Amino acid sequence: FWYRQLWNESLGKKGEGTFLLTAKGSIDQHSQLQMWLDGPNNGLFTFL
């Protein structure tokens, strides 16, 4: 939650930046993984 604010509020300027979204493993493997794997290839993924 802290990092999401740091990234989005610091870098969302002048039409630039990327939306930072958060997900919770392993729960979101059962709700979002289909889109990540077989949807549009428009994401950078960070595992923490």
All heavy atoms as atom14 arrays in JSON, in Angstrom:
{
  "sequence": "FWYRQLWNESLGKKGEGTFLLTAKGSIDQHSQLQMWLDGPNNGLFTFL",
  "atom14_mask": [
    [1, 1, 1, 1, 1, 1, 1, 1, 1, 1, 1, 0, 0, 0],
    [1, 1, 1, 1, 1, 1, 1, 1, 1, 1, 1, 1, 1, 1],
    [1, 1, 1, 1, 1, 1, 1, 1, 1, 1, 1, 1, 0, 0],
    [1, 1, 1, 1, 1, 1, 1, 1, 1, 1, 1, 0, 0, 0],
    [1, 1, 1, 1, 1, 1, 1, 1, 1, 0, 0, 0, 0, 0],
    [1, 1, 1, 1, 1, 1, 1, 1, 0, 0, 0, 0, 0, 0],
    [1, 1, 1, 1, 1, 1, 1, 1, 1, 1, 1, 1, 1, 1],
    [1, 1, 1, 1, 1, 1, 1, 1, 0, 0, 0, 0, 0, 0],
    [1, 1, 1, 1, 1, 1, 1, 1, 1, 0, 0, 0, 0, 0],
    [1, 1, 1, 1, 1, 1, 0, 0, 0, 0, 0, 0, 0, 0],
    [1, 1, 1, 1, 1, 1, 1, 1, 0, 0, 0, 0, 0, 0],
    [1, 1, 1, 1, 0, 0, 0, 0, 0, 0, 0, 0, 0, 0],
    [1, 1, 1, 1, 1, 1, 1, 1, 1, 0, 0, 0, 0, 0],
    [1, 1, 1, 1, 1, 1, 1, 1, 1, 0, 0, 0, 0, 0],
    [1, 1, 1, 1, 0, 0, 0, 0, 0, 0, 0, 0, 0, 0],
    [1, 1, 1, 1, 1, 1, 1, 1, 1, 0, 0, 0, 0, 0],
    [1, 1, 1, 1, 0, 0, 0, 0, 0, 0, 0, 0, 0, 0],
    [1, 1, 1, 1, 1, 1, 1, 0, 0, 0, 0, 0, 0, 0],
    [1, 1, 1, 1, 1, 1, 1, 1, 1, 1, 1, 0, 0, 0],
    [1, 1, 1, 1, 1, 1, 1, 1, 0, 0, 0, 0, 0, 0],
    [1, 1, 1, 1, 1, 1, 1, 1, 0, 0, 0, 0, 0, 0],
    [1, 1, 1, 1, 1, 1, 1, 0, 0, 0, 0, 0, 0, 0],
    [1, 1, 1, 1, 1, 0, 0, 0, 0, 0, 0, 0, 0, 0],
    [1, 1, 1, 1, 1, 1, 1, 1, 1, 0, 0, 0, 0, 0],
    [1, 1, 1, 1, 0, 0, 0, 0, 0, 0, 0, 0, 0, 0],
    [1, 1, 1, 1, 1, 1, 0, 0, 0, 0, 0, 0, 0, 0],
    [1, 1, 1, 1, 1, 1, 1, 1, 0, 0, 0, 0, 0, 0],
    [1, 1, 1, 1, 1, 1, 1, 1, 0, 0, 0, 0, 0, 0],
    [1, 1, 1, 1, 1, 1, 1, 1, 1, 0, 0, 0, 0, 0],
    [1, 1, 1, 1, 1, 1, 1, 1, 1, 1, 0, 0, 0, 0],
    [1, 1, 1, 1, 1, 1, 0, 0, 0, 0, 0, 0, 0, 0],
    [1, 1, 1, 1, 1, 1, 1, 1, 1, 0, 0, 0, 0, 0],
    [1, 1, 1, 1, 1, 1, 1, 1, 0, 0, 0, 0, 0, 0],
    [1, 1, 1, 1, 1, 1, 1, 1, 1, 0, 0, 0, 0, 0],
    [1, 1, 1, 1, 1, 1, 1, 1, 0, 0, 0, 0, 0, 0],
    [1, 1, 1, 1, 1, 1, 1, 1, 1, 1, 1, 1, 1, 1],
    [1, 1, 1, 1, 1, 1, 1, 1, 0, 0, 0, 0, 0, 0],
    [1, 1, 1, 1, 1, 1, 1, 1, 0, 0, 0, 0, 0, 0],
    [1, 1, 1, 1, 0, 0, 0, 0, 0, 0, 0, 0, 0, 0],
    [1, 1, 1, 1, 1, 1, 1, 0, 0, 0, 0, 0, 0, 0],
    [1, 1, 1, 1, 1, 1, 1, 1, 0, 0, 0, 0, 0, 0],
    [1, 1, 1, 1, 1, 1, 1, 1, 0, 0, 0, 0, 0, 0],
    [1, 1, 1, 1, 0, 0, 0, 0, 0, 0, 0, 0, 0, 0],
    [1, 1, 1, 1, 1, 1, 1, 1, 0, 0, 0, 0, 0, 0],
    [1, 1, 1, 1, 1, 1, 1, 1, 1, 1, 1, 0, 0, 0],
    [1, 1, 1, 1, 1, 1, 1, 0, 0, 0, 0, 0, 0, 0],
    [1, 1, 1, 1, 1, 1, 1, 1, 1, 1, 1, 0, 0, 0],
    [1, 1, 1, 1, 1, 1, 1, 1, 0, 0, 0, 0, 0, 0]
  ],
  "atom14_positions": [
    [[0.84, -1.2, 0.0], [0.0, 0.0, 0.0], [0.87, 1.25, 0.0], [0.58, 2.24, -0.68], [-0.94, 0.0, 1.21], [-2.0, -1.06, 1.16], [-2.35, -1.76, 2.3], [-2.66, -1.35, -0.03], [-3.34, -2.74, 2.27], [-3.65, -2.33, -0.08], [-3.98, -3.02, 1.07], [0.0, 0.0, 0.0], [0.0, 0.0, 0.0], [0.0, 0.0, 0.0]],
    [[1.95, 1.21, 0.79], [2.89, 2.35, 0.82], [3.57, 2.52, -0.54], [3.64, 3.64, -1.07], [3.94, 2.12, 1.91], [5.08, 3.1, 1.84], [5.11, 4.37, 2.36], [6.35, 2.9, 1.19], [6.32, 4.97, 2.07], [7.1, 4.09, 1.36], [6.93, 1.84, 0.5], [8.38, 4.25, 0.86], [8.21, 2.0, -0.02], [8.93, 3.19, 0.17]],
    [[4.04, 1.42, -1.12], [4.76, 1.48, -2.4], [3.84, 1.94, -3.53], [4.26, 2.69, -4.42], [5.36, 0.11, -2.71], [6.05, 0.0, -4.05], [6.94, 0.98, -4.47], [5.81, -1.08, -4.89], [7.58, 0.87, -5.71], [6.45, -1.19, -6.11], [7.33, -0.22, -6.51], [7.95, -0.32, -7.73], [0.0, 0.0, 0.0], [0.0, 0.0, 0.0]],
    [[2.59, 1.51, -3.48], [1.64, 1.9, -4.52], [1.48, 3.42, -4.57], [1.46, 4.03, -5.63], [0.29, 1.24, -4.26], [-0.75, 1.5, -5.35], [-1.99, 0.66, -5.1], [-2.65, 1.0, -3.84], [-3.69, 0.33, -3.34], [-4.15, -0.73, -3.96], [-4.24, 0.71, -2.2], [0.0, 0.0, 0.0], [0.0, 0.0, 0.0], [0.0, 0.0, 0.0]],
    [[1.39, 4.05, -3.38], [1.3, 5.51, -3.36], [2.6, 6.13, -3.85], [2.58, 7.08, -4.65], [1.0, 6.03, -1.96], [0.86, 7.57, -1.94], [0.91, 8.18, -0.56], [1.21, 7.51, 0.42], [0.63, 9.47, -0.48], [0.0, 0.0, 0.0], [0.0, 0.0, 0.0], [0.0, 0.0, 0.0], [0.0, 0.0, 0.0], [0.0, 0.0, 0.0]],
    [[3.74, 5.61, -3.39], [5.03, 6.16, -3.79], [5.18, 6.17, -5.3], [5.56, 7.18, -5.9], [6.16, 5.33, -3.15], [7.58, 5.76, -3.53], [7.95, 7.07, -2.86], [8.6, 4.67, -3.15], [0.0, 0.0, 0.0], [0.0, 0.0, 0.0], [0.0, 0.0, 0.0], [0.0, 0.0, 0.0], [0.0, 0.0, 0.0], [0.0, 0.0, 0.0]],
    [[4.86, 5.04, -5.94], [5.02, 4.92, -7.39], [4.01, 5.79, -8.14], [4.37, 6.63, -8.97], [4.88, 3.47, -7.81], [5.02, 3.26, -9.3], [4.04, 3.39, -10.24], [6.22, 2.93, -10.01], [4.54, 3.15, -11.5], [5.88, 2.87, -11.38], [7.52, 2.68, -9.62], [6.81, 2.55, -12.36], [8.46, 2.36, -10.61], [8.1, 2.3, -11.96]],
    [[2.73, 5.59, -7.85], [1.68, 6.25, -8.63], [1.68, 7.77, -8.46], [1.47, 8.51, -9.42], [0.31, 5.69, -8.27], [0.11, 4.28, -8.8], [0.71, 3.88, -9.79], [-0.74, 3.51, -8.14], [0.0, 0.0, 0.0], [0.0, 0.0, 0.0], [0.0, 0.0, 0.0], [0.0, 0.0, 0.0], [0.0, 0.0, 0.0], [0.0, 0.0, 0.0]],
    [[1.9, 8.24, -7.25], [1.84, 9.68, -7.0], [3.11, 10.39, -7.44], [3.08, 11.58, -7.73], [1.57, 9.95, -5.51], [0.85, 11.25, -5.25], [0.32, 11.35, -3.83], [1.14, 11.26, -2.88], [-0.89, 11.52, -3.65], [0.0, 0.0, 0.0], [0.0, 0.0, 0.0], [0.0, 0.0, 0.0], [0.0, 0.0, 0.0], [0.0, 0.0, 0.0]],
    [[4.22, 9.66, -7.5], [5.49, 10.27, -7.91], [5.67, 10.27, -9.42], [6.28, 11.2, -9.97], [6.67, 9.53, -7.26], [6.62, 9.58, -5.86], [0.0, 0.0, 0.0], [0.0, 0.0, 0.0], [0.0, 0.0, 0.0], [0.0, 0.0, 0.0], [0.0, 0.0, 0.0], [0.0, 0.0, 0.0], [0.0, 0.0, 0.0], [0.0, 0.0, 0.0]],
    [[5.16, 9.24, -10.09], [5.48, 9.05, -11.5], [4.31, 9.26, -12.46], [4.51, 9.23, -13.67], [6.07, 7.65, -11.71], [7.36, 7.35, -10.94], [7.81, 5.92, -11.18], [8.46, 8.32, -11.33], [0.0, 0.0, 0.0], [0.0, 0.0, 0.0], [0.0, 0.0, 0.0], [0.0, 0.0, 0.0], [0.0, 0.0, 0.0], [0.0, 0.0, 0.0]],
    [[3.12, 9.46, -11.95], [1.97, 9.71, -12.82], [1.89, 11.18, -13.18], [1.1, 11.93, -12.61], [0.0, 0.0, 0.0], [0.0, 0.0, 0.0], [0.0, 0.0, 0.0], [0.0, 0.0, 0.0], [0.0, 0.0, 0.0], [0.0, 0.0, 0.0], [0.0, 0.0, 0.0], [0.0, 0.0, 0.0], [0.0, 0.0, 0.0], [0.0, 0.0, 0.0]],
    [[2.71, 11.63, -14.12], [2.8, 13.05, -14.45], [2.83, 13.24, -15.97], [3.5, 12.48, -16.68], [4.08, 13.66, -13.86], [4.36, 13.33, -12.4], [3.54, 14.16, -11.45], [3.72, 13.69, -10.01], [5.04, 13.96, -9.45], [0.0, 0.0, 0.0], [0.0, 0.0, 0.0], [0.0, 0.0, 0.0], [0.0, 0.0, 0.0], [0.0, 0.0, 0.0]],
    [[2.15, 14.28, -16.44], [2.25, 14.71, -17.83], [1.98, 13.57, -18.82], [2.62, 13.47, -19.87], [3.64, 15.3, -18.1], [3.99, 16.5, -17.22], [5.39, 17.0, -17.48], [5.72, 18.18, -16.58], [7.11, 18.67, -16.79], [0.0, 0.0, 0.0], [0.0, 0.0, 0.0], [0.0, 0.0, 0.0], [0.0, 0.0, 0.0], [0.0, 0.0, 0.0]],
    [[1.04, 12.71, -18.48], [0.71, 11.6, -19.36], [1.69, 10.46, -19.31], [1.56, 9.48, -20.05], [0.0, 0.0, 0.0], [0.0, 0.0, 0.0], [0.0, 0.0, 0.0], [0.0, 0.0, 0.0], [0.0, 0.0, 0.0], [0.0, 0.0, 0.0], [0.0, 0.0, 0.0], [0.0, 0.0, 0.0], [0.0, 0.0, 0.0], [0.0, 0.0, 0.0]],
    [[2.7, 10.56, -18.44], [3.72, 9.52, -18.33], [3.41, 8.59, -17.15], [2.51, 8.84, -16.35], [5.11, 10.15, -18.12], [5.57, 11.05, -19.24], [6.03, 10.27, -20.47], [5.99, 9.02, -20.43], [6.4, 10.91, -21.46], [0.0, 0.0, 0.0], [0.0, 0.0, 0.0], [0.0, 0.0, 0.0], [0.0, 0.0, 0.0], [0.0, 0.0, 0.0]],
    [[4.2, 7.52, -17.04], [4.09, 6.61, -15.91], [3.32, 5.35, -16.26], [2.72, 5.22, -17.33], [0.0, 0.0, 0.0], [0.0, 0.0, 0.0], [0.0, 0.0, 0.0], [0.0, 0.0, 0.0], [0.0, 0.0, 0.0], [0.0, 0.0, 0.0], [0.0, 0.0, 0.0], [0.0, 0.0, 0.0], [0.0, 0.0, 0.0], [0.0, 0.0, 0.0]],
    [[3.36, 4.39, -15.37], [2.61, 3.16, -15.51], [1.75, 2.96, -14.26], [2.17, 3.29, -13.16], [3.54, 1.94, -15.66], [4.43, 1.9, -14.53], [4.35, 2.0, -16.93], [0.0, 0.0, 0.0], [0.0, 0.0, 0.0], [0.0, 0.0, 0.0], [0.0, 0.0, 0.0], [0.0, 0.0, 0.0], [0.0, 0.0, 0.0], [0.0, 0.0, 0.0]],
    [[0.54, 2.44, -14.44], [-0.32, 2.15, -13.3], [0.29, 1.02, -12.49], [0.57, -0.05, -13.02], [-1.71, 1.74, -13.77], [-2.54, 2.87, -14.3], [-2.66, 3.08, -15.66], [-3.19, 3.73, -13.44], [-3.43, 4.12, -16.16], [-3.96, 4.78, -13.92], [-4.08, 4.97, -15.29], [0.0, 0.0, 0.0], [0.0, 0.0, 0.0], [0.0, 0.0, 0.0]],
    [[0.48, 1.26, -11.19], [0.95, 0.19, -10.32], [-0.25, -0.44, -9.63], [-1.01, 0.23, -8.93], [1.95, 0.71, -9.28], [2.68, -0.41, -8.51], [4.12, -0.03, -8.22], [1.97, -0.76, -7.21], [0.0, 0.0, 0.0], [0.0, 0.0, 0.0], [0.0, 0.0, 0.0], [0.0, 0.0, 0.0], [0.0, 0.0, 0.0], [0.0, 0.0, 0.0]],
    [[-0.42, -1.73, -9.87], [-1.5, -2.51, -9.27], [-0.9, -3.51, -8.29], [0.25, -3.91, -8.43], [-2.29, -3.25, -10.35], [-2.76, -2.42, -11.55], [-3.38, -3.32, -12.6], [-3.76, -1.36, -11.1], [0.0, 0.0, 0.0], [0.0, 0.0, 0.0], [0.0, 0.0, 0.0], [0.0, 0.0, 0.0], [0.0, 0.0, 0.0], [0.0, 0.0, 0.0]],
    [[-1.67, -3.91, -7.31], [-1.17, -4.89, -6.34], [-2.04, -6.14, -6.35], [-3.24, -6.08, -6.66], [-1.13, -4.3, -4.92], [-2.45, -3.93, -4.51], [-0.24, -3.08, -4.86], [0.0, 0.0, 0.0], [0.0, 0.0, 0.0], [0.0, 0.0, 0.0], [0.0, 0.0, 0.0], [0.0, 0.0, 0.0], [0.0, 0.0, 0.0], [0.0, 0.0, 0.0]],
    [[-1.43, -7.27, -6.02], [-2.14, -8.54, -5.95], [-1.58, -9.35, -4.78], [-0.45, -9.13, -4.34], [-2.01, -9.31, -7.25], [0.0, 0.0, 0.0], [0.0, 0.0, 0.0], [0.0, 0.0, 0.0], [0.0, 0.0, 0.0], [0.0, 0.0, 0.0], [0.0, 0.0, 0.0], [0.0, 0.0, 0.0], [0.0, 0.0, 0.0], [0.0, 0.0, 0.0]],
    [[-2.38, -10.3, -4.31], [-2.02, -11.09, -3.14], [-1.88, -12.55, -3.52], [-2.83, -13.17, -4.01], [-3.08, -10.91, -2.06], [-2.82, -11.68, -0.78], [-3.93, -11.39, 0.23], [-3.72, -12.17, 1.52], [-4.79, -11.88, 2.51], [0.0, 0.0, 0.0], [0.0, 0.0, 0.0], [0.0, 0.0, 0.0], [0.0, 0.0, 0.0], [0.0, 0.0, 0.0]],
    [[-0.68, -13.09, -3.32], [-0.47, -14.5, -3.57], [-0.74, -15.33, -2.32], [-0.49, -14.87, -1.21], [0.0, 0.0, 0.0], [0.0, 0.0, 0.0], [0.0, 0.0, 0.0], [0.0, 0.0, 0.0], [0.0, 0.0, 0.0], [0.0, 0.0, 0.0], [0.0, 0.0, 0.0], [0.0, 0.0, 0.0], [0.0, 0.0, 0.0], [0.0, 0.0, 0.0]],
    [[-1.26, -16.51, -2.43], [-1.59, -17.16, -3.69], [-3.05, -16.93, -4.1], [-3.52, -17.46, -5.11], [-1.34, -18.66, -3.55], [-2.18, -19.22, -2.54], [0.0, 0.0, 0.0], [0.0, 0.0, 0.0], [0.0, 0.0, 0.0], [0.0, 0.0, 0.0], [0.0, 0.0, 0.0], [0.0, 0.0, 0.0], [0.0, 0.0, 0.0], [0.0, 0.0, 0.0]],
    [[-3.77, -16.11, -3.33], [-5.22, -15.93, -3.54], [-5.52, -15.46, -4.95], [-6.41, -15.99, -5.63], [-5.78, -14.95, -2.49], [-5.71, -15.58, -1.1], [-7.21, -14.57, -2.83], [-6.05, -14.65, 0.03], [0.0, 0.0, 0.0], [0.0, 0.0, 0.0], [0.0, 0.0, 0.0], [0.0, 0.0, 0.0], [0.0, 0.0, 0.0], [0.0, 0.0, 0.0]],
    [[-4.79, -14.45, -5.44], [-5.11, -13.89, -6.75], [-4.67, -14.77, -7.91], [-4.98, -14.46, -9.06], [-4.5, -12.49, -6.87], [-5.32, -11.45, -6.1], [-6.54, -11.63, -6.02], [-4.75, -10.49, -5.58], [0.0, 0.0, 0.0], [0.0, 0.0, 0.0], [0.0, 0.0, 0.0], [0.0, 0.0, 0.0], [0.0, 0.0, 0.0], [0.0, 0.0, 0.0]],
    [[-3.98, -15.85, -7.62], [-3.75, -16.86, -8.67], [-5.08, -17.45, -9.13], [-5.2, -17.92, -10.26], [-2.84, -17.98, -8.15], [-1.42, -17.53, -7.86], [-0.59, -18.61, -7.2], [0.4, -18.33, -6.55], [-0.99, -19.87, -7.36], [0.0, 0.0, 0.0], [0.0, 0.0, 0.0], [0.0, 0.0, 0.0], [0.0, 0.0, 0.0], [0.0, 0.0, 0.0]],
    [[-6.07, -17.42, -8.24], [-7.38, -18.0, -8.54], [-8.39, -16.98, -9.03], [-9.57, -17.29, -9.16], [-7.9, -18.71, -7.29], [-6.97, -19.75, -6.76], [-6.93, -21.03, -7.27], [-6.02, -19.7, -5.79], [-6.0, -21.72, -6.62], [-5.43, -20.94, -5.73], [0.0, 0.0, 0.0], [0.0, 0.0, 0.0], [0.0, 0.0, 0.0], [0.0, 0.0, 0.0]],
    [[-7.92, -15.75, -9.28], [-8.86, -14.73, -9.77], [-8.28, -13.87, -10.89], [-9.04, -13.31, -11.68], [-9.3, -13.81, -8.61], [-8.19, -13.17, -8.02], [0.0, 0.0, 0.0], [0.0, 0.0, 0.0], [0.0, 0.0, 0.0], [0.0, 0.0, 0.0], [0.0, 0.0, 0.0], [0.0, 0.0, 0.0], [0.0, 0.0, 0.0], [0.0, 0.0, 0.0]],
    [[-6.94, -13.77, -10.97], [-6.34, -12.89, -11.96], [-5.34, -13.59, -12.89], [-4.99, -13.04, -13.93], [-5.62, -11.73, -11.27], [-6.52, -10.86, -10.42], [-5.82, -9.6, -9.96], [-5.37, -8.8, -10.78], [-5.73, -9.4, -8.65], [0.0, 0.0, 0.0], [0.0, 0.0, 0.0], [0.0, 0.0, 0.0], [0.0, 0.0, 0.0], [0.0, 0.0, 0.0]],
    [[-4.9, -14.75, -12.51], [-3.82, -15.41, -13.25], [-4.18, -15.69, -14.71], [-3.33, -15.6, -15.6], [-3.41, -16.7, -12.54], [-2.17, -17.42, -13.08], [-0.96, -16.5, -13.08], [-1.87, -18.66, -12.23], [0.0, 0.0, 0.0], [0.0, 0.0, 0.0], [0.0, 0.0, 0.0], [0.0, 0.0, 0.0], [0.0, 0.0, 0.0], [0.0, 0.0, 0.0]],
    [[-5.42, -16.04, -14.97], [-5.85, -16.3, -16.35], [-5.58, -15.08, -17.23], [-5.06, -15.2, -18.35], [-7.33, -16.65, -16.38], [-7.93, -16.8, -17.78], [-7.33, -17.96, -18.57], [-6.98, -18.99, -18.0], [-7.21, -17.78, -19.88], [0.0, 0.0, 0.0], [0.0, 0.0, 0.0], [0.0, 0.0, 0.0], [0.0, 0.0, 0.0], [0.0, 0.0, 0.0]],
    [[-5.89, -13.9, -16.73], [-5.65, -12.67, -17.5], [-4.16, -12.42, -17.67], [-3.69, -12.03, -18.75], [-6.32, -11.48, -16.81], [-6.1, -10.14, -17.5], [-6.77, -10.08, -19.18], [-8.52, -9.96, -18.81], [0.0, 0.0, 0.0], [0.0, 0.0, 0.0], [0.0, 0.0, 0.0], [0.0, 0.0, 0.0], [0.0, 0.0, 0.0], [0.0, 0.0, 0.0]],
    [[-3.39, -12.63, -16.59], [-1.95, -12.4, -16.67], [-1.29, -13.28, -17.73], [-0.42, -12.84, -18.46], [-1.29, -12.67, -15.31], [-1.76, -11.79, -14.19], [-2.45, -10.62, -14.28], [-1.56, -12.03, -12.79], [-2.71, -10.11, -13.04], [-2.17, -10.95, -12.1], [-0.94, -13.02, -12.05], [-2.16, -10.86, -10.71], [-0.93, -12.94, -10.68], [-1.53, -11.87, -10.01]],
    [[-1.73, -14.54, -17.77], [-1.07, -15.51, -18.64], [-1.59, -15.5, -20.07], [-0.83, -15.7, -21.02], [-1.23, -16.92, -18.06], [-0.43, -17.24, -16.8], [-0.85, -18.6, -16.26], [1.07, -17.24, -17.1], [0.0, 0.0, 0.0], [0.0, 0.0, 0.0], [0.0, 0.0, 0.0], [0.0, 0.0, 0.0], [0.0, 0.0, 0.0], [0.0, 0.0, 0.0]],
    [[-2.9, -15.29, -20.23], [-3.5, -15.48, -21.55], [-4.21, -14.24, -22.08], [-4.79, -14.27, -23.16], [-4.5, -16.64, -21.49], [-4.61, -17.39, -22.82], [-3.63, -17.39, -23.58], [-5.69, -17.97, -23.09], [0.0, 0.0, 0.0], [0.0, 0.0, 0.0], [0.0, 0.0, 0.0], [0.0, 0.0, 0.0], [0.0, 0.0, 0.0], [0.0, 0.0, 0.0]],
    [[-4.13, -13.16, -21.33], [-4.68, -11.89, -21.79], [-3.62, -11.1, -22.54], [-2.6, -11.64, -22.96], [0.0, 0.0, 0.0], [0.0, 0.0, 0.0], [0.0, 0.0, 0.0], [0.0, 0.0, 0.0], [0.0, 0.0, 0.0], [0.0, 0.0, 0.0], [0.0, 0.0, 0.0], [0.0, 0.0, 0.0], [0.0, 0.0, 0.0], [0.0, 0.0, 0.0]],
    [[-3.85, -9.79, -22.73], [-2.87, -8.97, -23.46], [-1.54, -8.9, -22.72], [-1.51, -8.85, -21.48], [-3.55, -7.6, -23.52], [-4.56, -7.61, -22.41], [-5.02, -9.01, -22.29], [0.0, 0.0, 0.0], [0.0, 0.0, 0.0], [0.0, 0.0, 0.0], [0.0, 0.0, 0.0], [0.0, 0.0, 0.0], [0.0, 0.0, 0.0], [0.0, 0.0, 0.0]],
    [[-0.47, -8.91, -23.48], [0.87, -8.86, -22.9], [1.23, -7.39, -22.61], [2.04, -6.78, -23.29], [1.89, -9.49, -23.86], [3.28, -9.6, -23.24], [3.46, -9.33, -22.05], [4.25, -9.99, -24.04], [0.0, 0.0, 0.0], [0.0, 0.0, 0.0], [0.0, 0.0, 0.0], [0.0, 0.0, 0.0], [0.0, 0.0, 0.0], [0.0, 0.0, 0.0]],
    [[0.59, -6.84, -21.59], [0.78, -5.42, -21.3], [1.14, -5.16, -19.84], [0.84, -4.12, -19.28], [-0.48, -4.62, -21.65], [-1.67, -5.0, -20.78], [-1.64, -6.02, -20.09], [-2.72, -4.2, -20.81], [0.0, 0.0, 0.0], [0.0, 0.0, 0.0], [0.0, 0.0, 0.0], [0.0, 0.0, 0.0], [0.0, 0.0, 0.0], [0.0, 0.0, 0.0]],
    [[1.8, -6.14, -19.22], [2.14, -5.99, -17.81], [3.59, -6.3, -17.49], [4.21, -7.15, -18.14], [0.0, 0.0, 0.0], [0.0, 0.0, 0.0], [0.0, 0.0, 0.0], [0.0, 0.0, 0.0], [0.0, 0.0, 0.0], [0.0, 0.0, 0.0], [0.0, 0.0, 0.0], [0.0, 0.0, 0.0], [0.0, 0.0, 0.0], [0.0, 0.0, 0.0]],
    [[4.11, -5.57, -16.5], [5.36, -5.94, -15.84], [4.97, -6.55, -14.5], [4.11, -6.0, -13.8], [6.24, -4.71, -15.59], [6.71, -3.89, -16.78], [7.38, -2.61, -16.29], [7.69, -4.69, -17.62], [0.0, 0.0, 0.0], [0.0, 0.0, 0.0], [0.0, 0.0, 0.0], [0.0, 0.0, 0.0], [0.0, 0.0, 0.0], [0.0, 0.0, 0.0]],
    [[5.58, -7.66, -14.12], [5.18, -8.36, -12.9], [6.34, -8.43, -11.92], [7.45, -8.81, -12.28], [4.69, -9.77, -13.23], [3.47, -9.79, -14.09], [3.57, -9.86, -15.48], [2.2, -9.73, -13.53], [2.45, -9.87, -16.29], [1.07, -9.73, -14.33], [1.18, -9.8, -15.71], [0.0, 0.0, 0.0], [0.0, 0.0, 0.0], [0.0, 0.0, 0.0]],
    [[6.06, -8.03, -10.69], [7.05, -8.09, -9.61], [6.53, -9.02, -8.53], [5.4, -8.85, -8.04], [7.32, -6.7, -9.02], [7.89, -5.85, -10.0], [8.28, -6.81, -7.83], [0.0, 0.0, 0.0], [0.0, 0.0, 0.0], [0.0, 0.0, 0.0], [0.0, 0.0, 0.0], [0.0, 0.0, 0.0], [0.0, 0.0, 0.0], [0.0, 0.0, 0.0]],
    [[7.33, -10.0, -8.16], [7.0, -10.91, -7.06], [7.81, -10.5, -5.84], [9.02, -10.32, -5.92], [7.34, -12.36, -7.43], [6.37, -12.99, -8.39], [6.29, -12.57, -9.7], [5.53, -14.0, -7.97], [5.39, -13.13, -10.59], [4.62, -14.58, -8.84], [4.56, -14.14, -10.15], [0.0, 0.0, 0.0], [0.0, 0.0, 0.0], [0.0, 0.0, 0.0]],
    [[7.11, -10.35, -4.72], [7.75, -9.99, -3.47], [7.57, -11.13, -2.48], [6.44, -11.51, -2.15], [7.13, -8.7, -2.92], [7.86, -7.98, -1.79], [9.28, -7.61, -2.21], [7.09, -6.72, -1.4], [0.0, 0.0, 0.0], [0.0, 0.0, 0.0], [0.0, 0.0, 0.0], [0.0, 0.0, 0.0], [0.0, 0.0, 0.0], [0.0, 0.0, 0.0]]
  ]
}
